[in-house]
Full PDB file with SEQRES, HELIX, SHEET, SSBOND, CRYST1, ORIGX, SCALE, CONECT and MASTER records, all heavy atoms in Angstrom:
SEQRES   1 A   42  GLY VAL ALA GLY PHE ARG VAL ASP ALA CYS LYS HIS MET          
SEQRES   2 A   42  TRP PRO GLY ASP LEU SER SER VAL PHE GLY ARG LEU LYS          
SEQRES   3 A   42  THR LEU ASN THR LYS TRP PHE PRO SER GLY THR LYS PRO          
SEQRES   4 A   42  PHE ILE TYR                                                  
HELIX    1 AA1 CYS A   10  HIS A   12  5                                   3    
HELIX    2 AA2 PRO A   15  PHE A   22  1                                   8    
SHEET    1 AA1 2 GLY A   4  PHE A   5  0                                        
SHEET    2 AA1 2 PHE A  40  ILE A  41  1                                        
CRYST1    1.000    1.000    1.000  90.00  90.00  90.00 P 1           1          
ORIGX1      1.000000  0.000000  0.000000        0.00000                         
ORIGX2      0.000000  1.000000  0.000000        0.00000                         
ORIGX3      0.000000  0.000000  1.000000        0.00000                         
SCALE1      1.000000  0.000000  0.000000        0.00000                         
SCALE2      0.000000  1.000000  0.000000        0.00000                         
SCALE3      0.000000  0.000000  1.000000        0.00000                         
ATOM      1  N   GLY A   1      -4.758  -1.403  -1.482  1.00  0.00           N  
ATOM      2  CA  GLY A   1      -4.418  -0.103  -2.039  1.00  0.00           C  
ATOM      3  C   GLY A   1      -3.782   0.885  -1.091  1.00  0.00           C  
ATOM      4  O   GLY A   1      -3.649   2.067  -1.427  1.00  0.00           O  
ATOM      5  N   VAL A   2      -3.370   0.451   0.119  1.00  0.00           N  
ATOM      6  CA  VAL A   2      -2.720   1.415   1.016  1.00  0.00           C  
ATOM      7  C   VAL A   2      -1.355   1.803   0.462  1.00  0.00           C  
ATOM      8  O   VAL A   2      -0.742   1.063  -0.321  1.00  0.00           O  
ATOM      9  CB  VAL A   2      -2.599   0.882   2.460  1.00  0.00           C  
ATOM     10  CG1 VAL A   2      -3.941   0.387   2.981  1.00  0.00           C  
ATOM     11  CG2 VAL A   2      -1.532  -0.200   2.588  1.00  0.00           C  
ATOM     12  N   ALA A   3      -0.873   2.973   0.882  1.00  0.00           N  
ATOM     13  CA  ALA A   3       0.386   3.516   0.363  1.00  0.00           C  
ATOM     14  C   ALA A   3       1.563   3.268   1.291  1.00  0.00           C  
ATOM     15  O   ALA A   3       2.710   3.502   0.917  1.00  0.00           O  
ATOM     16  CB  ALA A   3       0.249   5.013   0.112  1.00  0.00           C  
ATOM     17  N   GLY A   4       1.282   2.810   2.531  1.00  0.00           N  
ATOM     18  CA  GLY A   4       2.384   2.596   3.457  1.00  0.00           C  
ATOM     19  C   GLY A   4       1.887   2.396   4.871  1.00  0.00           C  
ATOM     20  O   GLY A   4       0.684   2.256   5.117  1.00  0.00           O  
ATOM     21  N   PHE A   5       2.866   2.429   5.798  1.00  0.00           N  
ATOM     22  CA  PHE A   5       2.577   2.044   7.177  1.00  0.00           C  
ATOM     23  C   PHE A   5       3.298   2.929   8.179  1.00  0.00           C  
ATOM     24  O   PHE A   5       4.474   3.256   8.005  1.00  0.00           O  
ATOM     25  CB  PHE A   5       3.025   0.590   7.423  1.00  0.00           C  
ATOM     26  CG  PHE A   5       2.414  -0.385   6.454  1.00  0.00           C  
ATOM     27  CD1 PHE A   5       3.141  -0.847   5.355  1.00  0.00           C  
ATOM     28  CD2 PHE A   5       1.112  -0.823   6.616  1.00  0.00           C  
ATOM     29  CE1 PHE A   5       2.571  -1.722   4.451  1.00  0.00           C  
ATOM     30  CE2 PHE A   5       0.531  -1.702   5.715  1.00  0.00           C  
ATOM     31  CZ  PHE A   5       1.271  -2.159   4.626  1.00  0.00           C  
ATOM     32  N   ARG A   6       2.580   3.290   9.234  1.00  0.00           N  
ATOM     33  CA  ARG A   6       3.200   3.796  10.455  1.00  0.00           C  
ATOM     34  C   ARG A   6       3.339   2.567  11.352  1.00  0.00           C  
ATOM     35  O   ARG A   6       2.353   1.931  11.706  1.00  0.00           O  
ATOM     36  CB  ARG A   6       2.301   4.846  11.112  1.00  0.00           C  
ATOM     37  CG  ARG A   6       2.880   5.459  12.405  1.00  0.00           C  
ATOM     38  CD  ARG A   6       2.306   4.814  13.635  1.00  0.00           C  
ATOM     39  NE  ARG A   6       2.725   5.470  14.880  1.00  0.00           N  
ATOM     40  CZ  ARG A   6       2.543   4.978  16.090  1.00  0.00           C  
ATOM     41  NH1 ARG A   6       1.932   3.811  16.251  1.00  0.00           N  
ATOM     42  NH2 ARG A   6       2.962   5.614  17.159  1.00  0.00           N  
ATOM     43  N   VAL A   7       4.576   2.197  11.682  1.00  0.00           N  
ATOM     44  CA  VAL A   7       4.816   0.960  12.415  1.00  0.00           C  
ATOM     45  C   VAL A   7       5.034   1.289  13.887  1.00  0.00           C  
ATOM     46  O   VAL A   7       5.977   1.997  14.254  1.00  0.00           O  
ATOM     47  CB  VAL A   7       6.017   0.188  11.831  1.00  0.00           C  
ATOM     48  CG1 VAL A   7       6.141  -1.176  12.505  1.00  0.00           C  
ATOM     49  CG2 VAL A   7       5.850   0.008  10.323  1.00  0.00           C  
ATOM     50  N   ASP A   8       4.136   0.786  14.719  1.00  0.00           N  
ATOM     51  CA  ASP A   8       4.119   1.080  16.147  1.00  0.00           C  
ATOM     52  C   ASP A   8       5.271   0.376  16.866  1.00  0.00           C  
ATOM     53  O   ASP A   8       5.658  -0.737  16.512  1.00  0.00           O  
ATOM     54  CB  ASP A   8       2.774   0.592  16.717  1.00  0.00           C  
ATOM     55  CG  ASP A   8       2.591   0.913  18.185  1.00  0.00           C  
ATOM     56  OD1 ASP A   8       2.512   2.099  18.520  1.00  0.00           O  
ATOM     57  OD2 ASP A   8       2.535  -0.041  18.996  1.00  0.00           O  
ATOM     58  N   ALA A   9       5.803   1.019  17.904  1.00  0.00           N  
ATOM     59  CA  ALA A   9       6.723   0.391  18.875  1.00  0.00           C  
ATOM     60  C   ALA A   9       7.958  -0.231  18.238  1.00  0.00           C  
ATOM     61  O   ALA A   9       8.415  -1.292  18.654  1.00  0.00           O  
ATOM     62  CB  ALA A   9       5.963  -0.670  19.690  1.00  0.00           C  
ATOM     63  N   CYS A  10       8.548   0.438  17.239  1.00  0.00           N  
ATOM     64  CA  CYS A  10       9.716  -0.148  16.555  1.00  0.00           C  
ATOM     65  C   CYS A  10      10.934  -0.268  17.461  1.00  0.00           C  
ATOM     66  O   CYS A  10      11.765  -1.151  17.262  1.00  0.00           O  
ATOM     67  CB  CYS A  10      10.059   0.662  15.307  1.00  0.00           C  
ATOM     68  SG  CYS A  10       8.901   0.358  13.955  1.00  0.00           S  
ATOM     69  N   LYS A  11      11.035   0.611  18.451  1.00  0.00           N  
ATOM     70  CA  LYS A  11      12.165   0.515  19.380  1.00  0.00           C  
ATOM     71  C   LYS A  11      12.191  -0.831  20.086  1.00  0.00           C  
ATOM     72  O   LYS A  11      13.247  -1.287  20.530  1.00  0.00           O  
ATOM     73  CB  LYS A  11      12.054   1.652  20.413  1.00  0.00           C  
ATOM     74  CG  LYS A  11      13.197   1.691  21.420  1.00  0.00           C  
ATOM     75  CD  LYS A  11      13.302   3.059  22.081  1.00  0.00           C  
ATOM     76  CE  LYS A  11      12.332   3.239  23.209  1.00  0.00           C  
ATOM     77  NZ  LYS A  11      12.566   4.524  23.916  1.00  0.00           N  
ATOM     78  N   HIS A  12      11.024  -1.476  20.171  1.00  0.00           N  
ATOM     79  CA  HIS A  12      10.905  -2.742  20.882  1.00  0.00           C  
ATOM     80  C   HIS A  12      11.106  -3.947  19.965  1.00  0.00           C  
ATOM     81  O   HIS A  12      10.872  -5.083  20.378  1.00  0.00           O  
ATOM     82  CB  HIS A  12       9.539  -2.804  21.573  1.00  0.00           C  
ATOM     83  CG  HIS A  12       9.356  -1.686  22.550  1.00  0.00           C  
ATOM     84  ND1 HIS A  12       9.933  -1.691  23.798  1.00  0.00           N  
ATOM     85  CD2 HIS A  12       8.710  -0.496  22.443  1.00  0.00           C  
ATOM     86  CE1 HIS A  12       9.628  -0.559  24.431  1.00  0.00           C  
ATOM     87  NE2 HIS A  12       8.893   0.181  23.621  1.00  0.00           N  
ATOM     88  N   MET A  13      11.544  -3.689  18.722  1.00  0.00           N  
ATOM     89  CA  MET A  13      11.849  -4.765  17.778  1.00  0.00           C  
ATOM     90  C   MET A  13      13.257  -4.578  17.229  1.00  0.00           C  
ATOM     91  O   MET A  13      13.720  -3.450  17.065  1.00  0.00           O  
ATOM     92  CB  MET A  13      10.825  -4.766  16.636  1.00  0.00           C  
ATOM     93  CG  MET A  13       9.411  -5.119  17.085  1.00  0.00           C  
ATOM     94  SD  MET A  13       8.176  -5.048  15.755  1.00  0.00           S  
ATOM     95  CE  MET A  13       7.760  -3.302  15.758  1.00  0.00           C  
ATOM     96  N   TRP A  14      13.931  -5.689  16.952  1.00  0.00           N  
ATOM     97  CA  TRP A  14      15.286  -5.634  16.401  1.00  0.00           C  
ATOM     98  C   TRP A  14      15.224  -5.167  14.951  1.00  0.00           C  
ATOM     99  O   TRP A  14      14.395  -5.665  14.172  1.00  0.00           O  
ATOM    100  CB  TRP A  14      15.961  -6.997  16.492  1.00  0.00           C  
ATOM    101  CG  TRP A  14      16.226  -7.414  17.909  1.00  0.00           C  
ATOM    102  CD1 TRP A  14      15.418  -8.163  18.716  1.00  0.00           C  
ATOM    103  CD2 TRP A  14      17.377  -7.067  18.699  1.00  0.00           C  
ATOM    104  NE1 TRP A  14      15.984  -8.303  19.970  1.00  0.00           N  
ATOM    105  CE2 TRP A  14      17.192  -7.648  19.989  1.00  0.00           C  
ATOM    106  CE3 TRP A  14      18.529  -6.330  18.457  1.00  0.00           C  
ATOM    107  CZ2 TRP A  14      18.130  -7.511  21.007  1.00  0.00           C  
ATOM    108  CZ3 TRP A  14      19.462  -6.189  19.485  1.00  0.00           C  
ATOM    109  CH2 TRP A  14      19.261  -6.788  20.741  1.00  0.00           C  
ATOM    110  N   PRO A  15      16.093  -4.213  14.558  1.00  0.00           N  
ATOM    111  CA  PRO A  15      16.076  -3.738  13.171  1.00  0.00           C  
ATOM    112  C   PRO A  15      16.216  -4.867  12.148  1.00  0.00           C  
ATOM    113  O   PRO A  15      15.579  -4.831  11.090  1.00  0.00           O  
ATOM    114  CB  PRO A  15      17.274  -2.773  13.117  1.00  0.00           C  
ATOM    115  CG  PRO A  15      17.425  -2.275  14.521  1.00  0.00           C  
ATOM    116  CD  PRO A  15      17.048  -3.440  15.400  1.00  0.00           C  
ATOM    117  N   GLY A  16      17.011  -5.875  12.471  1.00  0.00           N  
ATOM    118  CA  GLY A  16      17.167  -6.996  11.538  1.00  0.00           C  
ATOM    119  C   GLY A  16      15.873  -7.757  11.315  1.00  0.00           C  
ATOM    120  O   GLY A  16      15.588  -8.213  10.198  1.00  0.00           O  
ATOM    121  N   ASP A  17      15.077  -7.900  12.378  1.00  0.00           N  
ATOM    122  CA  ASP A  17      13.788  -8.577  12.243  1.00  0.00           C  
ATOM    123  C   ASP A  17      12.834  -7.747  11.385  1.00  0.00           C  
ATOM    124  O   ASP A  17      12.120  -8.283  10.527  1.00  0.00           O  
ATOM    125  CB  ASP A  17      13.161  -8.830  13.619  1.00  0.00           C  
ATOM    126  CG  ASP A  17      13.970  -9.828  14.456  1.00  0.00           C  
ATOM    127  OD1 ASP A  17      14.765 -10.582  13.867  1.00  0.00           O  
ATOM    128  OD2 ASP A  17      13.796  -9.846  15.690  1.00  0.00           O  
ATOM    129  N   LEU A  18      12.825  -6.431  11.615  1.00  0.00           N  
ATOM    130  CA  LEU A  18      11.982  -5.551  10.806  1.00  0.00           C  
ATOM    131  C   LEU A  18      12.423  -5.569   9.344  1.00  0.00           C  
ATOM    132  O   LEU A  18      11.584  -5.592   8.436  1.00  0.00           O  
ATOM    133  CB  LEU A  18      12.022  -4.123  11.350  1.00  0.00           C  
ATOM    134  CG  LEU A  18      11.265  -3.881  12.654  1.00  0.00           C  
ATOM    135  CD1 LEU A  18      11.552  -2.479  13.180  1.00  0.00           C  
ATOM    136  CD2 LEU A  18       9.761  -4.060  12.451  1.00  0.00           C  
ATOM    137  N   SER A  19      13.724  -5.582   9.118  1.00  0.00           N  
ATOM    138  CA  SER A  19      14.247  -5.629   7.749  1.00  0.00           C  
ATOM    139  C   SER A  19      13.731  -6.860   7.014  1.00  0.00           C  
ATOM    140  O   SER A  19      13.337  -6.789   5.843  1.00  0.00           O  
ATOM    141  CB  SER A  19      15.779  -5.629   7.777  1.00  0.00           C  
ATOM    142  OG  SER A  19      16.306  -5.731   6.478  1.00  0.00           O  
ATOM    143  N   SER A  20      13.693  -7.990   7.725  1.00  0.00           N  
ATOM    144  CA  SER A  20      13.196  -9.221   7.104  1.00  0.00           C  
ATOM    145  C   SER A  20      11.715  -9.102   6.757  1.00  0.00           C  
ATOM    146  O   SER A  20      11.280  -9.505   5.670  1.00  0.00           O  
ATOM    147  CB  SER A  20      13.420 -10.408   8.048  1.00  0.00           C  
ATOM    148  OG  SER A  20      12.882 -11.590   7.495  1.00  0.00           O  
ATOM    149  N   VAL A  21      10.932  -8.524   7.670  1.00  0.00           N  
ATOM    150  CA  VAL A  21       9.498  -8.356   7.393  1.00  0.00           C  
ATOM    151  C   VAL A  21       9.288  -7.390   6.228  1.00  0.00           C  
ATOM    152  O   VAL A  21       8.548  -7.682   5.276  1.00  0.00           O  
ATOM    153  CB  VAL A  21       8.757  -7.846   8.647  1.00  0.00           C  
ATOM    154  CG1 VAL A  21       7.321  -7.439   8.302  1.00  0.00           C  
ATOM    155  CG2 VAL A  21       8.753  -8.912   9.736  1.00  0.00           C  
ATOM    156  N   PHE A  22       9.955  -6.230   6.273  1.00  0.00           N  
ATOM    157  CA  PHE A  22       9.765  -5.225   5.221  1.00  0.00           C  
ATOM    158  C   PHE A  22      10.244  -5.752   3.869  1.00  0.00           C  
ATOM    159  O   PHE A  22       9.706  -5.370   2.824  1.00  0.00           O  
ATOM    160  CB  PHE A  22      10.498  -3.923   5.572  1.00  0.00           C  
ATOM    161  CG  PHE A  22      10.004  -3.251   6.836  1.00  0.00           C  
ATOM    162  CD1 PHE A  22      10.802  -2.319   7.494  1.00  0.00           C  
ATOM    163  CD2 PHE A  22       8.761  -3.546   7.371  1.00  0.00           C  
ATOM    164  CE1 PHE A  22      10.362  -1.688   8.650  1.00  0.00           C  
ATOM    165  CE2 PHE A  22       8.316  -2.932   8.540  1.00  0.00           C  
ATOM    166  CZ  PHE A  22       9.118  -1.998   9.180  1.00  0.00           C  
ATOM    167  N   GLY A  23      11.254  -6.610   3.906  1.00  0.00           N  
ATOM    168  CA  GLY A  23      11.763  -7.195   2.669  1.00  0.00           C  
ATOM    169  C   GLY A  23      10.781  -8.133   1.986  1.00  0.00           C  
ATOM    170  O   GLY A  23      10.939  -8.462   0.811  1.00  0.00           O  
ATOM    171  N   ARG A  24       9.759  -8.567   2.713  1.00  0.00           N  
ATOM    172  CA  ARG A  24       8.734  -9.464   2.157  1.00  0.00           C  
ATOM    173  C   ARG A  24       7.522  -8.714   1.620  1.00  0.00           C  
ATOM    174  O   ARG A  24       6.575  -9.340   1.135  1.00  0.00           O  
ATOM    175  CB  ARG A  24       8.256 -10.439   3.251  1.00  0.00           C  
ATOM    176  CG  ARG A  24       9.362 -11.325   3.798  1.00  0.00           C  
ATOM    177  CD  ARG A  24       8.850 -12.194   4.945  1.00  0.00           C  
ATOM    178  NE  ARG A  24       9.965 -12.884   5.601  1.00  0.00           N  
ATOM    179  CZ  ARG A  24       9.905 -14.129   6.059  1.00  0.00           C  
ATOM    180  NH1 ARG A  24       8.782 -14.823   5.946  1.00  0.00           N  
ATOM    181  NH2 ARG A  24      10.950 -14.680   6.620  1.00  0.00           N  
ATOM    182  N   LEU A  25       7.541  -7.389   1.737  1.00  0.00           N  
ATOM    183  CA  LEU A  25       6.366  -6.629   1.333  1.00  0.00           C  
ATOM    184  C   LEU A  25       6.277  -6.481  -0.178  1.00  0.00           C  
ATOM    185  O   LEU A  25       7.279  -6.319  -0.871  1.00  0.00           O  
ATOM    186  CB  LEU A  25       6.384  -5.241   1.986  1.00  0.00           C  
ATOM    187  CG  LEU A  25       6.326  -5.232   3.520  1.00  0.00           C  
ATOM    188  CD1 LEU A  25       6.227  -3.809   4.028  1.00  0.00           C  
ATOM    189  CD2 LEU A  25       5.166  -6.077   4.048  1.00  0.00           C  
ATOM    190  N   LYS A  26       5.066  -6.523  -0.679  1.00  0.00           N  
ATOM    191  CA  LYS A  26       4.798  -6.322  -2.093  1.00  0.00           C  
ATOM    192  C   LYS A  26       5.011  -4.855  -2.470  1.00  0.00           C  
ATOM    193  O   LYS A  26       5.053  -3.979  -1.597  1.00  0.00           O  
ATOM    194  CB  LYS A  26       3.347  -6.709  -2.412  1.00  0.00           C  
ATOM    195  CG  LYS A  26       3.006  -8.162  -2.145  1.00  0.00           C  
ATOM    196  CD  LYS A  26       1.538  -8.415  -2.463  1.00  0.00           C  
ATOM    197  CE  LYS A  26       1.172  -9.884  -2.234  1.00  0.00           C  
ATOM    198  NZ  LYS A  26      -0.257 -10.129  -2.588  1.00  0.00           N  
ATOM    199  N   THR A  27       5.114  -4.598  -3.760  1.00  0.00           N  
ATOM    200  CA  THR A  27       5.057  -3.212  -4.217  1.00  0.00           C  
ATOM    201  C   THR A  27       3.581  -2.791  -4.266  1.00  0.00           C  
ATOM    202  O   THR A  27       2.672  -3.624  -4.198  1.00  0.00           O  
ATOM    203  CB  THR A  27       5.720  -3.055  -5.595  1.00  0.00           C  
ATOM    204  OG1 THR A  27       5.164  -4.015  -6.492  1.00  0.00           O  
ATOM    205  CG2 THR A  27       7.228  -3.281  -5.484  1.00  0.00           C  
ATOM    206  N   LEU A  28       3.358  -1.490  -4.371  1.00  0.00           N  
ATOM    207  CA  LEU A  28       2.003  -0.955  -4.222  1.00  0.00           C  
ATOM    208  C   LEU A  28       1.102  -1.321  -5.402  1.00  0.00           C  
ATOM    209  O   LEU A  28       1.558  -1.609  -6.502  1.00  0.00           O  
ATOM    210  CB  LEU A  28       2.053   0.562  -4.044  1.00  0.00           C  
ATOM    211  CG  LEU A  28       2.824   1.066  -2.811  1.00  0.00           C  
ATOM    212  CD1 LEU A  28       2.680   2.584  -2.683  1.00  0.00           C  
ATOM    213  CD2 LEU A  28       2.353   0.375  -1.527  1.00  0.00           C  
ATOM    214  N   ASN A  29      -0.197  -1.275  -5.133  1.00  0.00           N  
ATOM    215  CA  ASN A  29      -1.215  -1.637  -6.105  1.00  0.00           C  
ATOM    216  C   ASN A  29      -1.142  -0.718  -7.327  1.00  0.00           C  
ATOM    217  O   ASN A  29      -1.256   0.511  -7.207  1.00  0.00           O  
ATOM    218  CB  ASN A  29      -2.593  -1.513  -5.433  1.00  0.00           C  
ATOM    219  CG  ASN A  29      -3.719  -2.087  -6.253  1.00  0.00           C  
ATOM    220  OD1 ASN A  29      -3.778  -1.900  -7.460  1.00  0.00           O  
ATOM    221  ND2 ASN A  29      -4.633  -2.782  -5.592  1.00  0.00           N  
ATOM    222  N   THR A  30      -0.958  -1.319  -8.499  1.00  0.00           N  
ATOM    223  CA  THR A  30      -0.735  -0.529  -9.718  1.00  0.00           C  
ATOM    224  C   THR A  30      -2.003   0.160 -10.216  1.00  0.00           C  
ATOM    225  O   THR A  30      -1.952   0.932 -11.174  1.00  0.00           O  
ATOM    226  CB  THR A  30      -0.165  -1.410 -10.844  1.00  0.00           C  
ATOM    227  OG1 THR A  30      -1.030  -2.545 -11.028  1.00  0.00           O  
ATOM    228  CG2 THR A  30       1.234  -1.882 -10.510  1.00  0.00           C  
ATOM    229  N   LYS A  31      -3.139  -0.100  -9.564  1.00  0.00           N  
ATOM    230  CA  LYS A  31      -4.342   0.648  -9.934  1.00  0.00           C  
ATOM    231  C   LYS A  31      -4.168   2.128  -9.604  1.00  0.00           C  
ATOM    232  O   LYS A  31      -4.736   3.000 -10.272  1.00  0.00           O  
ATOM    233  CB  LYS A  31      -5.563   0.072  -9.207  1.00  0.00           C  
ATOM    234  CG  LYS A  31      -6.878   0.745  -9.576  1.00  0.00           C  
ATOM    235  CD  LYS A  31      -8.063   0.050  -8.942  1.00  0.00           C  
ATOM    236  CE  LYS A  31      -9.371   0.769  -9.309  1.00  0.00           C  
ATOM    237  NZ  LYS A  31     -10.547   0.134  -8.675  1.00  0.00           N  
ATOM    238  N   TRP A  32      -3.382   2.403  -8.548  1.00  0.00           N  
ATOM    239  CA  TRP A  32      -3.226   3.796  -8.097  1.00  0.00           C  
ATOM    240  C   TRP A  32      -1.774   4.278  -8.045  1.00  0.00           C  
ATOM    241  O   TRP A  32      -1.533   5.473  -7.878  1.00  0.00           O  
ATOM    242  CB  TRP A  32      -3.854   3.974  -6.715  1.00  0.00           C  
ATOM    243  CG  TRP A  32      -5.329   3.758  -6.710  1.00  0.00           C  
ATOM    244  CD1 TRP A  32      -6.278   4.578  -7.288  1.00  0.00           C  
ATOM    245  CD2 TRP A  32      -6.048   2.673  -6.131  1.00  0.00           C  
ATOM    246  NE1 TRP A  32      -7.534   4.060  -7.082  1.00  0.00           N  
ATOM    247  CE2 TRP A  32      -7.434   2.888  -6.370  1.00  0.00           C  
ATOM    248  CE3 TRP A  32      -5.674   1.528  -5.420  1.00  0.00           C  
ATOM    249  CZ2 TRP A  32      -8.418   2.013  -5.937  1.00  0.00           C  
ATOM    250  CZ3 TRP A  32      -6.664   0.661  -4.978  1.00  0.00           C  
ATOM    251  CH2 TRP A  32      -8.017   0.892  -5.241  1.00  0.00           C  
ATOM    252  N   PHE A  33      -0.810   3.353  -8.153  1.00  0.00           N  
ATOM    253  CA  PHE A  33       0.596   3.739  -8.008  1.00  0.00           C  
ATOM    254  C   PHE A  33       1.412   3.181  -9.173  1.00  0.00           C  
ATOM    255  O   PHE A  33       1.082   2.116  -9.706  1.00  0.00           O  
ATOM    256  CB  PHE A  33       1.159   3.225  -6.675  1.00  0.00           C  
ATOM    257  CG  PHE A  33       0.432   3.746  -5.478  1.00  0.00           C  
ATOM    258  CD1 PHE A  33      -0.603   3.024  -4.889  1.00  0.00           C  
ATOM    259  CD2 PHE A  33       0.761   4.981  -4.933  1.00  0.00           C  
ATOM    260  CE1 PHE A  33      -1.300   3.515  -3.796  1.00  0.00           C  
ATOM    261  CE2 PHE A  33       0.075   5.486  -3.837  1.00  0.00           C  
ATOM    262  CZ  PHE A  33      -0.956   4.753  -3.268  1.00  0.00           C  
ATOM    263  N   PRO A  34       2.490   3.876  -9.554  1.00  0.00           N  
ATOM    264  CA  PRO A  34       3.339   3.372 -10.635  1.00  0.00           C  
ATOM    265  C   PRO A  34       3.904   1.990 -10.295  1.00  0.00           C  
ATOM    266  O   PRO A  34       4.165   1.688  -9.128  1.00  0.00           O  
ATOM    267  CB  PRO A  34       4.454   4.417 -10.721  1.00  0.00           C  
ATOM    268  CG  PRO A  34       3.893   5.651 -10.113  1.00  0.00           C  
ATOM    269  CD  PRO A  34       2.945   5.185  -9.049  1.00  0.00           C  
ATOM    270  N   SER A  35       4.084   1.173 -11.299  1.00  0.00           N  
ATOM    271  CA  SER A  35       4.615  -0.180 -11.119  1.00  0.00           C  
ATOM    272  C   SER A  35       5.952  -0.135 -10.388  1.00  0.00           C  
ATOM    273  O   SER A  35       6.813   0.706 -10.690  1.00  0.00           O  
ATOM    274  CB  SER A  35       4.783  -0.847 -12.492  1.00  0.00           C  
ATOM    275  OG  SER A  35       5.323  -2.136 -12.347  1.00  0.00           O  
ATOM    276  N   GLY A  36       6.124  -1.022  -9.406  1.00  0.00           N  
ATOM    277  CA  GLY A  36       7.381  -1.116  -8.680  1.00  0.00           C  
ATOM    278  C   GLY A  36       7.518  -0.165  -7.513  1.00  0.00           C  
ATOM    279  O   GLY A  36       8.566  -0.117  -6.869  1.00  0.00           O  
ATOM    280  N   THR A  37       6.454   0.595  -7.181  1.00  0.00           N  
ATOM    281  CA  THR A  37       6.525   1.558  -6.074  1.00  0.00           C  
ATOM    282  C   THR A  37       6.511   0.827  -4.735  1.00  0.00           C  
ATOM    283  O   THR A  37       5.637   0.004  -4.475  1.00  0.00           O  
ATOM    284  CB  THR A  37       5.335   2.530  -6.123  1.00  0.00           C  
ATOM    285  OG1 THR A  37       5.294   3.156  -7.406  1.00  0.00           O  
ATOM    286  CG2 THR A  37       5.473   3.599  -5.048  1.00  0.00           C  
ATOM    287  N   LYS A  38       7.473   1.153  -3.885  1.00  0.00           N  
ATOM    288  CA  LYS A  38       7.556   0.518  -2.571  1.00  0.00           C  
ATOM    289  C   LYS A  38       6.653   1.235  -1.565  1.00  0.00           C  
ATOM    290  O   LYS A  38       6.450   2.446  -1.663  1.00  0.00           O  
ATOM    291  CB  LYS A  38       8.998   0.552  -2.046  1.00  0.00           C  
ATOM    292  CG  LYS A  38       9.960  -0.279  -2.874  1.00  0.00           C  
ATOM    293  CD  LYS A  38      11.384  -0.077  -2.411  1.00  0.00           C  
ATOM    294  CE  LYS A  38      12.348  -0.867  -3.280  1.00  0.00           C  
ATOM    295  NZ  LYS A  38      13.748  -0.565  -2.946  1.00  0.00           N  
ATOM    296  N   PRO A  39       6.135   0.504  -0.578  1.00  0.00           N  
ATOM    297  CA  PRO A  39       5.326   1.162   0.446  1.00  0.00           C  
ATOM    298  C   PRO A  39       6.168   2.127   1.273  1.00  0.00           C  
ATOM    299  O   PRO A  39       7.341   1.852   1.561  1.00  0.00           O  
ATOM    300  CB  PRO A  39       4.815   0.003   1.310  1.00  0.00           C  
ATOM    301  CG  PRO A  39       5.772  -1.116   1.063  1.00  0.00           C  
ATOM    302  CD  PRO A  39       6.265  -0.946  -0.347  1.00  0.00           C  
ATOM    303  N   PHE A  40       5.580   3.253   1.630  1.00  0.00           N  
ATOM    304  CA  PHE A  40       6.214   4.205   2.542  1.00  0.00           C  
ATOM    305  C   PHE A  40       6.171   3.612   3.951  1.00  0.00           C  
ATOM    306  O   PHE A  40       5.131   3.128   4.392  1.00  0.00           O  
ATOM    307  CB  PHE A  40       5.442   5.524   2.498  1.00  0.00           C  
ATOM    308  CG  PHE A  40       5.936   6.597   3.420  1.00  0.00           C  
ATOM    309  CD1 PHE A  40       7.286   6.886   3.541  1.00  0.00           C  
ATOM    310  CD2 PHE A  40       5.042   7.355   4.170  1.00  0.00           C  
ATOM    311  CE1 PHE A  40       7.735   7.904   4.388  1.00  0.00           C  
ATOM    312  CE2 PHE A  40       5.478   8.372   5.012  1.00  0.00           C  
ATOM    313  CZ  PHE A  40       6.819   8.641   5.115  1.00  0.00           C  
ATOM    314  N   ILE A  41       7.305   3.655   4.632  1.00  0.00           N  
ATOM    315  CA  ILE A  41       7.362   3.138   5.999  1.00  0.00           C  
ATOM    316  C   ILE A  41       7.895   4.234   6.916  1.00  0.00           C  
ATOM    317  O   ILE A  41       8.936   4.832   6.648  1.00  0.00           O  
ATOM    318  CB  ILE A  41       8.253   1.882   6.084  1.00  0.00           C  
ATOM    319  CG1 ILE A  41       7.539   0.706   5.396  1.00  0.00           C  
ATOM    320  CG2 ILE A  41       8.585   1.532   7.535  1.00  0.00           C  
ATOM    321  CD1 ILE A  41       8.375  -0.529   5.259  1.00  0.00           C  
ATOM    322  N   TYR A  42       7.144   4.526   7.975  1.00  0.00           N  
ATOM    323  CA  TYR A  42       7.675   5.403   9.020  1.00  0.00           C  
ATOM    324  C   TYR A  42       7.472   4.726  10.360  1.00  0.00           C  
ATOM    325  O   TYR A  42       6.417   4.228  10.677  1.00  0.00           O  
ATOM    326  CB  TYR A  42       7.097   6.818   8.973  1.00  0.00           C  
ATOM    327  CG  TYR A  42       5.600   7.001   8.933  1.00  0.00           C  
ATOM    328  CD1 TYR A  42       4.916   7.496  10.037  1.00  0.00           C  
ATOM    329  CD2 TYR A  42       4.869   6.746   7.777  1.00  0.00           C  
ATOM    330  CE1 TYR A  42       3.539   7.726   9.995  1.00  0.00           C  
ATOM    331  CE2 TYR A  42       3.497   6.969   7.724  1.00  0.00           C  
ATOM    332  CZ  TYR A  42       2.841   7.453   8.842  1.00  0.00           C  
ATOM    333  OH  TYR A  42       1.484   7.674   8.795  1.00  0.00           O  
TER     334      TYR A  42                                                      
MASTER        0    0    0    2    2    0    0    6  333    1    0    4          
END                                                                             
C-alpha cells in the first residue's frame, strides 16, 4: 500500500537502468488509490 519511493543515490545509477526498473513497477494498491495510479518517484 505504499504510494511511492524516495530513491537513494540516483546520481550513481544510469538513467536508462532506472527507467527499466521503474517500468516494471505495479500501479498502486486499489484499496487506497484509484485504479491505474502510478507510484510517485522522487
